[in-house]
Amino acid sequence: MKLEHKKEEIVPLKQFVIRVGKYSAFAGILVVFSIGLGMLGYHHFGNLSWLDSFYMSAMILTGMGPVETMTTESAKLFSAFYALYSGIAFLSITAVFFAPIVHRLMHIFQLEPDQKN
């Protein structure tokens, strides 16, 4: 998933849409991985049902906060480390998702018009 250099021409719209799709798919995979990691941890350490584990993971990953109280030490430790991971993951996933769009906008603004003598 290479982006063009600022001296290269902007890719056509069709290629750009394909690029956005690839980056979106990668961001989606990261979201599924992060939710899955949280679900496994909350189900195992927090003794939550799969649905409650999904709910808790989604709320933590999006920064909304916990919905269940963790009672054991291992559950509290997992919850703390998952919250730290989620903060970084959310920002990273957002950056991956918007990277091709921001790159295209920056590329458009930095292109110099052809100079004719």
C-alpha atoms as a PDB file:
ATOM      1  CA  MET A   1       0.000   0.000   0.000  1.00  0.00           C
ATOM      2  CA  LYS A   2       2.410   2.578  -1.303  1.00  0.00           C
ATOM      3  CA  LEU A   3       1.435   6.191  -1.780  1.00  0.00           C
ATOM      4  CA  GLU A   4       2.775   8.308  -4.617  1.00  0.00           C
ATOM      5  CA  HIS A   5       5.517  10.849  -4.056  1.00  0.00           C
ATOM      6  CA  LYS A   6       4.606  14.539  -4.133  1.00  0.00           C
ATOM      7  CA  LYS A   7       6.399  14.941  -7.478  1.00  0.00           C
ATOM      8  CA  GLU A   8       4.355  12.146  -9.054  1.00  0.00           C
ATOM      9  CA  GLU A   9       0.946  12.691 -10.548  1.00  0.00           C
ATOM     10  CA  ILE A  10      -2.209  12.052  -8.525  1.00  0.00           C
ATOM     11  CA  VAL A  11      -3.627   8.604  -9.139  1.00  0.00           C
ATOM     12  CA  PRO A  12      -6.924   8.463 -11.055  1.00  0.00           C
ATOM     13  CA  LEU A  13     -10.151   8.429  -9.062  1.00  0.00           C
ATOM     14  CA  LYS A  14     -10.742   4.698  -9.694  1.00  0.00           C
ATOM     15  CA  GLN A  15      -7.346   3.790  -8.222  1.00  0.00           C
ATOM     16  CA  PHE A  16      -7.954   6.176  -5.321  1.00  0.00           C
ATOM     17  CA  VAL A  17     -11.280   4.489  -4.500  1.00  0.00           C
ATOM     18  CA  ILE A  18      -9.554   1.078  -4.590  1.00  0.00           C
ATOM     19  CA  ARG A  19      -6.822   2.441  -2.295  1.00  0.00           C
ATOM     20  CA  VAL A  20      -9.409   3.793   0.155  1.00  0.00           C
ATOM     21  CA  GLY A  21     -11.092   0.368   0.099  1.00  0.00           C
ATOM     22  CA  LYS A  22      -7.812  -1.396   0.924  1.00  0.00           C
ATOM     23  CA  TYR A  23      -7.004   0.963   3.783  1.00  0.00           C
ATOM     24  CA  SER A  24     -10.572   0.689   5.076  1.00  0.00           C
ATOM     25  CA  ALA A  25     -10.381  -3.104   4.954  1.00  0.00           C
ATOM     26  CA  PHE A  26      -7.104  -3.047   6.874  1.00  0.00           C
ATOM     27  CA  ALA A  27      -8.615  -0.692   9.457  1.00  0.00           C
ATOM     28  CA  GLY A  28     -11.610  -3.039   9.714  1.00  0.00           C
ATOM     29  CA  ILE A  29      -9.308  -5.998  10.332  1.00  0.00           C
ATOM     30  CA  LEU A  30      -7.606  -4.034  13.110  1.00  0.00           C
ATOM     31  CA  VAL A  31     -10.999  -3.235  14.673  1.00  0.00           C
ATOM     32  CA  VAL A  32     -12.090  -6.892  14.519  1.00  0.00           C
ATOM     33  CA  PHE A  33      -8.754  -8.000  16.023  1.00  0.00           C
ATOM     34  CA  SER A  34      -9.010  -5.414  18.821  1.00  0.00           C
ATOM     35  CA  ILE A  35     -12.622  -6.276  19.650  1.00  0.00           C
ATOM     36  CA  GLY A  36     -11.775  -9.983  19.550  1.00  0.00           C
ATOM     37  CA  LEU A  37      -8.828  -9.490  21.883  1.00  0.00           C
ATOM     38  CA  GLY A  38     -11.024  -7.600  24.318  1.00  0.00           C
ATOM     39  CA  MET A  39     -13.808 -10.170  24.113  1.00  0.00           C
ATOM     40  CA  LEU A  40     -11.428 -13.021  24.897  1.00  0.00           C
ATOM     41  CA  GLY A  41      -9.921 -11.152  27.830  1.00  0.00           C
ATOM     42  CA  TYR A  42     -13.187  -9.985  29.347  1.00  0.00           C
ATOM     43  CA  HIS A  43     -14.746 -13.415  28.893  1.00  0.00           C
ATOM     44  CA  HIS A  44     -11.767 -15.184  30.466  1.00  0.00           C
ATOM     45  CA  PHE A  45     -10.628 -12.759  33.159  1.00  0.00           C
ATOM     46  CA  GLY A  46     -13.868 -10.896  33.866  1.00  0.00           C
ATOM     47  CA  ASN A  47     -16.171 -13.936  33.636  1.00  0.00           C
ATOM     48  CA  LEU A  48     -18.535 -11.980  31.377  1.00  0.00           C
ATOM     49  CA  SER A  49     -20.822 -13.535  28.796  1.00  0.00           C
ATOM     50  CA  TRP A  50     -19.743 -13.245  25.157  1.00  0.00           C
ATOM     51  CA  LEU A  51     -22.313 -10.521  24.527  1.00  0.00           C
ATOM     52  CA  ASP A  52     -21.250  -8.544  27.603  1.00  0.00           C
ATOM     53  CA  SER A  53     -17.598  -9.046  26.619  1.00  0.00           C
ATOM     54  CA  PHE A  54     -18.331  -7.638  23.164  1.00  0.00           C
ATOM     55  CA  TYR A  55     -20.212  -4.705  24.675  1.00  0.00           C
ATOM     56  CA  MET A  56     -17.423  -3.948  27.142  1.00  0.00           C
ATOM     57  CA  SER A  57     -14.724  -4.240  24.451  1.00  0.00           C
ATOM     58  CA  ALA A  58     -16.571  -1.950  22.064  1.00  0.00           C
ATOM     59  CA  MET A  59     -17.177   0.654  24.735  1.00  0.00           C
ATOM     60  CA  ILE A  60     -13.538   0.649  25.851  1.00  0.00           C
ATOM     61  CA  LEU A  61     -12.144   0.637  22.287  1.00  0.00           C
ATOM     62  CA  THR A  62     -14.206   3.665  21.296  1.00  0.00           C
ATOM     63  CA  GLY A  63     -13.308   5.554  24.450  1.00  0.00           C
ATOM     64  CA  MET A  64     -16.774   5.506  26.000  1.00  0.00           C
ATOM     65  CA  GLY A  65     -15.606   3.809  29.180  1.00  0.00           C
ATOM     66  CA  PRO A  66     -16.315   0.604  31.073  1.00  0.00           C
ATOM     67  CA  VAL A  67     -19.832  -0.669  31.646  1.00  0.00           C
ATOM     68  CA  GLU A  68     -19.058  -3.541  34.015  1.00  0.00           C
ATOM     69  CA  THR A  69     -17.071  -3.530  37.249  1.00  0.00           C
ATOM     70  CA  MET A  70     -14.095  -5.863  37.339  1.00  0.00           C
ATOM     71  CA  THR A  71     -13.848  -7.606  40.706  1.00  0.00           C
ATOM     72  CA  THR A  72     -10.743  -9.810  40.556  1.00  0.00           C
ATOM     73  CA  GLU A  73      -7.151  -8.612  40.350  1.00  0.00           C
ATOM     74  CA  SER A  74      -6.546 -10.370  37.034  1.00  0.00           C
ATOM     75  CA  ALA A  75      -9.700  -8.813  35.550  1.00  0.00           C
ATOM     76  CA  LYS A  76      -8.643  -5.356  36.733  1.00  0.00           C
ATOM     77  CA  LEU A  77      -5.162  -5.797  35.276  1.00  0.00           C
ATOM     78  CA  PHE A  78      -6.534  -6.996  31.952  1.00  0.00           C
ATOM     79  CA  SER A  79      -9.032  -4.151  31.871  1.00  0.00           C
ATOM     80  CA  ALA A  80      -6.309  -1.575  32.564  1.00  0.00           C
ATOM     81  CA  PHE A  81      -3.948  -2.924  29.903  1.00  0.00           C
ATOM     82  CA  TYR A  82      -6.770  -3.293  27.370  1.00  0.00           C
ATOM     83  CA  ALA A  83      -7.769   0.329  28.004  1.00  0.00           C
ATOM     84  CA  LEU A  84      -4.170   1.452  27.377  1.00  0.00           C
ATOM     85  CA  TYR A  85      -4.001  -0.663  24.233  1.00  0.00           C
ATOM     86  CA  SER A  86      -7.381   0.650  23.077  1.00  0.00           C
ATOM     87  CA  GLY A  87      -6.325   4.268  23.338  1.00  0.00           C
ATOM     88  CA  ILE A  88      -3.362   3.664  21.046  1.00  0.00           C
ATOM     89  CA  ALA A  89      -5.284   1.299  18.763  1.00  0.00           C
ATOM     90  CA  PHE A  90      -8.168   3.734  18.253  1.00  0.00           C
ATOM     91  CA  LEU A  91      -5.836   6.541  17.207  1.00  0.00           C
ATOM     92  CA  SER A  92      -3.825   4.210  14.965  1.00  0.00           C
ATOM     93  CA  ILE A  93      -6.900   2.734  13.294  1.00  0.00           C
ATOM     94  CA  THR A  94      -8.262   6.227  12.662  1.00  0.00           C
ATOM     95  CA  ALA A  95      -4.926   7.251  11.118  1.00  0.00           C
ATOM     96  CA  VAL A  96      -4.899   4.184   8.844  1.00  0.00           C
ATOM     97  CA  PHE A  97      -8.470   4.848   7.743  1.00  0.00           C
ATOM     98  CA  PHE A  98      -7.909   8.525   6.892  1.00  0.00           C
ATOM     99  CA  ALA A  99      -4.333   8.229   5.515  1.00  0.00           C
ATOM    100  CA  PRO A 100      -5.210   7.945   1.804  1.00  0.00           C
ATOM    101  CA  ILE A 101      -7.755  10.760   1.996  1.00  0.00           C
ATOM    102  CA  VAL A 102      -5.407  13.143   3.818  1.00  0.00           C
ATOM    103  CA  HIS A 103      -2.567  12.146   1.488  1.00  0.00           C
ATOM    104  CA  ARG A 104      -4.651  12.932  -1.591  1.00  0.00           C
ATOM    105  CA  LEU A 105      -5.682  16.316  -0.210  1.00  0.00           C
ATOM    106  CA  MET A 106      -2.095  17.186   0.667  1.00  0.00           C
ATOM    107  CA  HIS A 107      -0.966  15.992  -2.743  1.00  0.00           C
ATOM    108  CA  ILE A 108      -3.522  18.193  -4.490  1.00  0.00           C
ATOM    109  CA  PHE A 109      -2.449  21.281  -2.538  1.00  0.00           C
ATOM    110  CA  GLN A 110       1.267  20.701  -3.173  1.00  0.00           C
ATOM    111  CA  LEU A 111       1.178  20.164  -6.925  1.00  0.00           C
ATOM    112  CA  GLU A 112       2.614  22.988  -8.932  1.00  0.00           C
ATOM    113  CA  PRO A 113       0.865  23.951 -12.161  1.00  0.00           C
ATOM    114  CA  ASP A 114       2.755  23.306 -15.386  1.00  0.00           C
ATOM    115  CA  GLN A 115       4.897  26.310 -16.253  1.00  0.00           C
ATOM    116  CA  LYS A 116       4.734  27.300 -19.896  1.00  0.00           C
ATOM    117  CA  ASN A 117       7.169  29.815 -21.395  1.00  0.00           C
END
